[in-house]
Structures are given as C-alpha cells and as structure tokens.
Amino acid sequence: MKKIAALILWMLLAATAVSQKQSDWTSSWNNTDIAYRSQVFDNMKACYVEFRDQKQGKGVTTFDADVQFRSTVLTADKQPTLKNETEHVVIAPSQTGNARIHDCAAILKVNVSLVERH
C-alpha cells in the first residue's frame, strides 16, 4: 500500500511541476554509499528527495537522513532560513527511497546515520 501511495504521490508531483529540474545524484555528506537527488516544486513550496544505496543488496536498506535545506519561510528581514528535517528512509532493491520536505526552496546537505542493510 505504501508503494502505491508513493507512486501516486510521485505521479501527482510530476504532473504539477513538469518543468522543475531534478538534480544529479550526489553522495550524502558523511556516507558516499548513500546518494540522493532532489527536485524543487516552487508552486508547492516543497522538495522531493530520492535516495539510493550504492551497495544495495537483495534486501532493504534503512537509515535516517538529516536533510539541511533552505526554507521558503523568511525571517523578519526577508532572508531565507536554514532548517533541518530528519527522515527515516527505506530503500528496496527495485526502487529508490523518498522523502518530501515541506516549505523547502533548496536542499543544501544530507547526512545519514543508522544505516542498516537487511
């Protein structure tokens, strides 16, 4: 059911912002085995982040991703704020893991922790 919901969400997001550019795959800041790419949806004020494990085996990979991002919420003097959000990510061999970050204008850095391969 989660896979279907994620697929539907992805299709809806893709349909609402076809012109938004997806970034290239980038290694996480502290673990080169976990890579991510992001896509910013200005009209939804959100970033969609996909994750993959370069050492993915036949089982799932789980980890916590601390995502540092520039928020769409501005300070009193109209400056963008920097925020962090932690996401628990699950990657299966045949699909990427994903997360949606609200009030996001750009992904700046991703650190991962508690990586487990099953």
C-alpha atoms as a PDB file:
ATOM      1  CA  MET A   1       0.000   0.000   0.000  1.00  0.00           C
ATOM      2  CA  LYS A   2       2.865   2.388   0.811  1.00  0.00           C
ATOM      3  CA  LYS A   3       4.416   1.681  -2.599  1.00  0.00           C
ATOM      4  CA  ILE A   4       1.160   2.552  -4.346  1.00  0.00           C
ATOM      5  CA  ALA A   5       0.748   5.738  -2.300  1.00  0.00           C
ATOM      6  CA  ALA A   6       4.346   6.764  -3.065  1.00  0.00           C
ATOM      7  CA  LEU A   7       3.823   6.108  -6.760  1.00  0.00           C
ATOM      8  CA  ILE A   8       0.603   8.137  -6.806  1.00  0.00           C
ATOM      9  CA  LEU A   9       2.313  10.987  -4.922  1.00  0.00           C
ATOM     10  CA  TRP A  10       5.201  10.931  -7.369  1.00  0.00           C
ATOM     11  CA  MET A  11       2.833  10.997 -10.349  1.00  0.00           C
ATOM     12  CA  LEU A  12       0.895  13.912  -8.881  1.00  0.00           C
ATOM     13  CA  LEU A  13       4.051  15.840  -8.124  1.00  0.00           C
ATOM     14  CA  ALA A  14       5.420  15.183 -11.588  1.00  0.00           C
ATOM     15  CA  ALA A  15       2.170  16.296 -13.195  1.00  0.00           C
ATOM     16  CA  THR A  16       2.018  19.570 -11.237  1.00  0.00           C
ATOM     17  CA  ALA A  17       5.565  20.644 -11.967  1.00  0.00           C
ATOM     18  CA  VAL A  18       6.826  19.011 -15.117  1.00  0.00           C
ATOM     19  CA  SER A  19       9.201  21.875 -15.823  1.00  0.00           C
ATOM     20  CA  GLN A  20      11.031  21.583 -12.486  1.00  0.00           C
ATOM     21  CA  LYS A  21      14.600  20.287 -12.902  1.00  0.00           C
ATOM     22  CA  GLN A  22      15.844  17.295 -10.989  1.00  0.00           C
ATOM     23  CA  SER A  23      19.383  17.488  -9.597  1.00  0.00           C
ATOM     24  CA  ASP A  24      22.107  14.972 -10.379  1.00  0.00           C
ATOM     25  CA  TRP A  25      22.825  12.145  -7.931  1.00  0.00           C
ATOM     26  CA  THR A  26      25.080  13.386  -5.105  1.00  0.00           C
ATOM     27  CA  SER A  27      26.696  11.385  -2.308  1.00  0.00           C
ATOM     28  CA  SER A  28      25.478  12.193   1.155  1.00  0.00           C
ATOM     29  CA  TRP A  29      27.839  14.373   3.163  1.00  0.00           C
ATOM     30  CA  ASN A  30      29.109  11.668   5.508  1.00  0.00           C
ATOM     31  CA  ASN A  31      28.480   8.382   3.624  1.00  0.00           C
ATOM     32  CA  THR A  32      29.429   8.024  -0.046  1.00  0.00           C
ATOM     33  CA  ASP A  33      27.406   4.785  -0.342  1.00  0.00           C
ATOM     34  CA  ILE A  34      24.116   6.667   0.091  1.00  0.00           C
ATOM     35  CA  ALA A  35      23.303   9.053  -2.762  1.00  0.00           C
ATOM     36  CA  TYR A  36      20.409  11.445  -3.214  1.00  0.00           C
ATOM     37  CA  ARG A  37      18.884  13.731  -5.806  1.00  0.00           C
ATOM     38  CA  SER A  38      16.268  16.380  -5.340  1.00  0.00           C
ATOM     39  CA  GLN A  39      13.594  18.205  -7.219  1.00  0.00           C
ATOM     40  CA  VAL A  40      12.143  21.519  -6.026  1.00  0.00           C
ATOM     41  CA  PHE A  41       8.470  22.278  -6.621  1.00  0.00           C
ATOM     42  CA  ASP A  42       8.138  26.053  -6.291  1.00  0.00           C
ATOM     43  CA  ASN A  43       4.362  26.074  -6.678  1.00  0.00           C
ATOM     44  CA  MET A  44       4.005  23.545  -3.840  1.00  0.00           C
ATOM     45  CA  LYS A  45       6.795  25.005  -1.677  1.00  0.00           C
ATOM     46  CA  ALA A  46       8.295  21.538  -1.291  1.00  0.00           C
ATOM     47  CA  CYS A  47      11.328  19.462  -2.242  1.00  0.00           C
ATOM     48  CA  TYR A  48      11.100  15.836  -3.263  1.00  0.00           C
ATOM     49  CA  VAL A  49      14.231  13.834  -2.423  1.00  0.00           C
ATOM     50  CA  GLU A  50      15.108  10.376  -3.774  1.00  0.00           C
ATOM     51  CA  PHE A  51      17.739   8.163  -2.151  1.00  0.00           C
ATOM     52  CA  ARG A  52      19.664   5.129  -3.381  1.00  0.00           C
ATOM     53  CA  ASP A  53      22.221   2.804  -1.801  1.00  0.00           C
ATOM     54  CA  GLN A  54      25.324   2.204  -3.939  1.00  0.00           C
ATOM     55  CA  LYS A  55      25.850  -1.067  -2.032  1.00  0.00           C
ATOM     56  CA  GLN A  56      22.223  -2.222  -2.258  1.00  0.00           C
ATOM     57  CA  GLY A  57      21.960  -5.963  -1.824  1.00  0.00           C
ATOM     58  CA  LYS A  58      18.938  -8.209  -2.230  1.00  0.00           C
ATOM     59  CA  GLY A  59      17.303  -6.832   0.902  1.00  0.00           C
ATOM     60  CA  VAL A  60      16.212  -3.402   2.054  1.00  0.00           C
ATOM     61  CA  THR A  61      18.414  -0.594   3.319  1.00  0.00           C
ATOM     62  CA  THR A  62      17.125   1.657   6.105  1.00  0.00           C
ATOM     63  CA  PHE A  63      18.677   4.808   7.549  1.00  0.00           C
ATOM     64  CA  ASP A  64      17.928   8.213   8.996  1.00  0.00           C
ATOM     65  CA  ALA A  65      18.637  11.174   6.722  1.00  0.00           C
ATOM     66  CA  ASP A  66      19.222  14.578   8.279  1.00  0.00           C
ATOM     67  CA  VAL A  67      18.311  16.953   5.456  1.00  0.00           C
ATOM     68  CA  GLN A  68      19.545  20.540   5.686  1.00  0.00           C
ATOM     69  CA  PHE A  69      17.534  22.856   3.455  1.00  0.00           C
ATOM     70  CA  ARG A  70      16.794  26.485   2.681  1.00  0.00           C
ATOM     71  CA  SER A  71      13.236  27.168   3.759  1.00  0.00           C
ATOM     72  CA  THR A  72      10.601  29.136   1.898  1.00  0.00           C
ATOM     73  CA  VAL A  73       9.804  30.742   5.269  1.00  0.00           C
ATOM     74  CA  LEU A  74      11.639  34.064   5.505  1.00  0.00           C
ATOM     75  CA  THR A  75      12.975  35.883   8.551  1.00  0.00           C
ATOM     76  CA  ALA A  76      11.600  39.282   9.585  1.00  0.00           C
ATOM     77  CA  ASP A  77      14.210  40.969   7.356  1.00  0.00           C
ATOM     78  CA  LYS A  78      13.160  38.815   4.375  1.00  0.00           C
ATOM     79  CA  GLN A  79      16.137  36.450   4.484  1.00  0.00           C
ATOM     80  CA  PRO A  80      15.698  32.702   3.869  1.00  0.00           C
ATOM     81  CA  THR A  81      16.014  30.472   6.917  1.00  0.00           C
ATOM     82  CA  LEU A  82      18.062  27.296   7.114  1.00  0.00           C
ATOM     83  CA  LYS A  83      16.298  24.271   8.571  1.00  0.00           C
ATOM     84  CA  ASN A  84      16.941  20.598   9.227  1.00  0.00           C
ATOM     85  CA  GLU A  85      14.487  17.755   8.995  1.00  0.00           C
ATOM     86  CA  THR A  86      15.143  14.107   9.784  1.00  0.00           C
ATOM     87  CA  GLU A  87      13.528  11.481   7.592  1.00  0.00           C
ATOM     88  CA  HIS A  88      13.537   7.716   8.086  1.00  0.00           C
ATOM     89  CA  VAL A  89      14.234   6.217   4.663  1.00  0.00           C
ATOM     90  CA  VAL A  90      13.685   2.686   3.360  1.00  0.00           C
ATOM     91  CA  ILE A  91      15.199   1.602   0.042  1.00  0.00           C
ATOM     92  CA  ALA A  92      14.214  -1.646  -1.675  1.00  0.00           C
ATOM     93  CA  PRO A  93      16.377  -3.291  -4.359  1.00  0.00           C
ATOM     94  CA  SER A  94      13.970  -2.339  -7.149  1.00  0.00           C
ATOM     95  CA  GLN A  95      13.113   1.212  -6.053  1.00  0.00           C
ATOM     96  CA  THR A  96      14.531   4.347  -4.513  1.00  0.00           C
ATOM     97  CA  GLY A  97      13.661   5.661  -1.077  1.00  0.00           C
ATOM     98  CA  ASN A  98      11.981   9.036  -0.971  1.00  0.00           C
ATOM     99  CA  ALA A  99      11.048  11.950   1.214  1.00  0.00           C
ATOM    100  CA  ARG A 100       9.049  15.124   0.783  1.00  0.00           C
ATOM    101  CA  ILE A 101      10.308  18.210   2.613  1.00  0.00           C
ATOM    102  CA  HIS A 102       7.701  20.936   3.180  1.00  0.00           C
ATOM    103  CA  ASP A 103       8.498  24.678   2.993  1.00  0.00           C
ATOM    104  CA  CYS A 104      11.648  23.823   1.030  1.00  0.00           C
ATOM    105  CA  ALA A 105      13.345  26.028  -1.555  1.00  0.00           C
ATOM    106  CA  ALA A 106      16.598  24.030  -1.926  1.00  0.00           C
ATOM    107  CA  ILE A 107      18.357  21.000  -0.450  1.00  0.00           C
ATOM    108  CA  LEU A 108      21.762  22.035   0.889  1.00  0.00           C
ATOM    109  CA  LYS A 109      23.222  18.925   2.532  1.00  0.00           C
ATOM    110  CA  VAL A 110      22.255  15.418   3.632  1.00  0.00           C
ATOM    111  CA  ASN A 111      23.879  13.436   6.452  1.00  0.00           C
ATOM    112  CA  VAL A 112      22.895   9.831   7.078  1.00  0.00           C
ATOM    113  CA  SER A 113      23.027   7.740  10.219  1.00  0.00           C
ATOM    114  CA  LEU A 114      21.950   4.328  11.460  1.00  0.00           C
ATOM    115  CA  VAL A 115      22.451   2.658   8.046  1.00  0.00           C
ATOM    116  CA  GLU A 116      21.276  -0.954   8.138  1.00  0.00           C
ATOM    117  CA  ARG A 117      21.255  -3.411   5.239  1.00  0.00           C
ATOM    118  CA  HIS A 118      18.993  -6.446   5.610  1.00  0.00           C
END
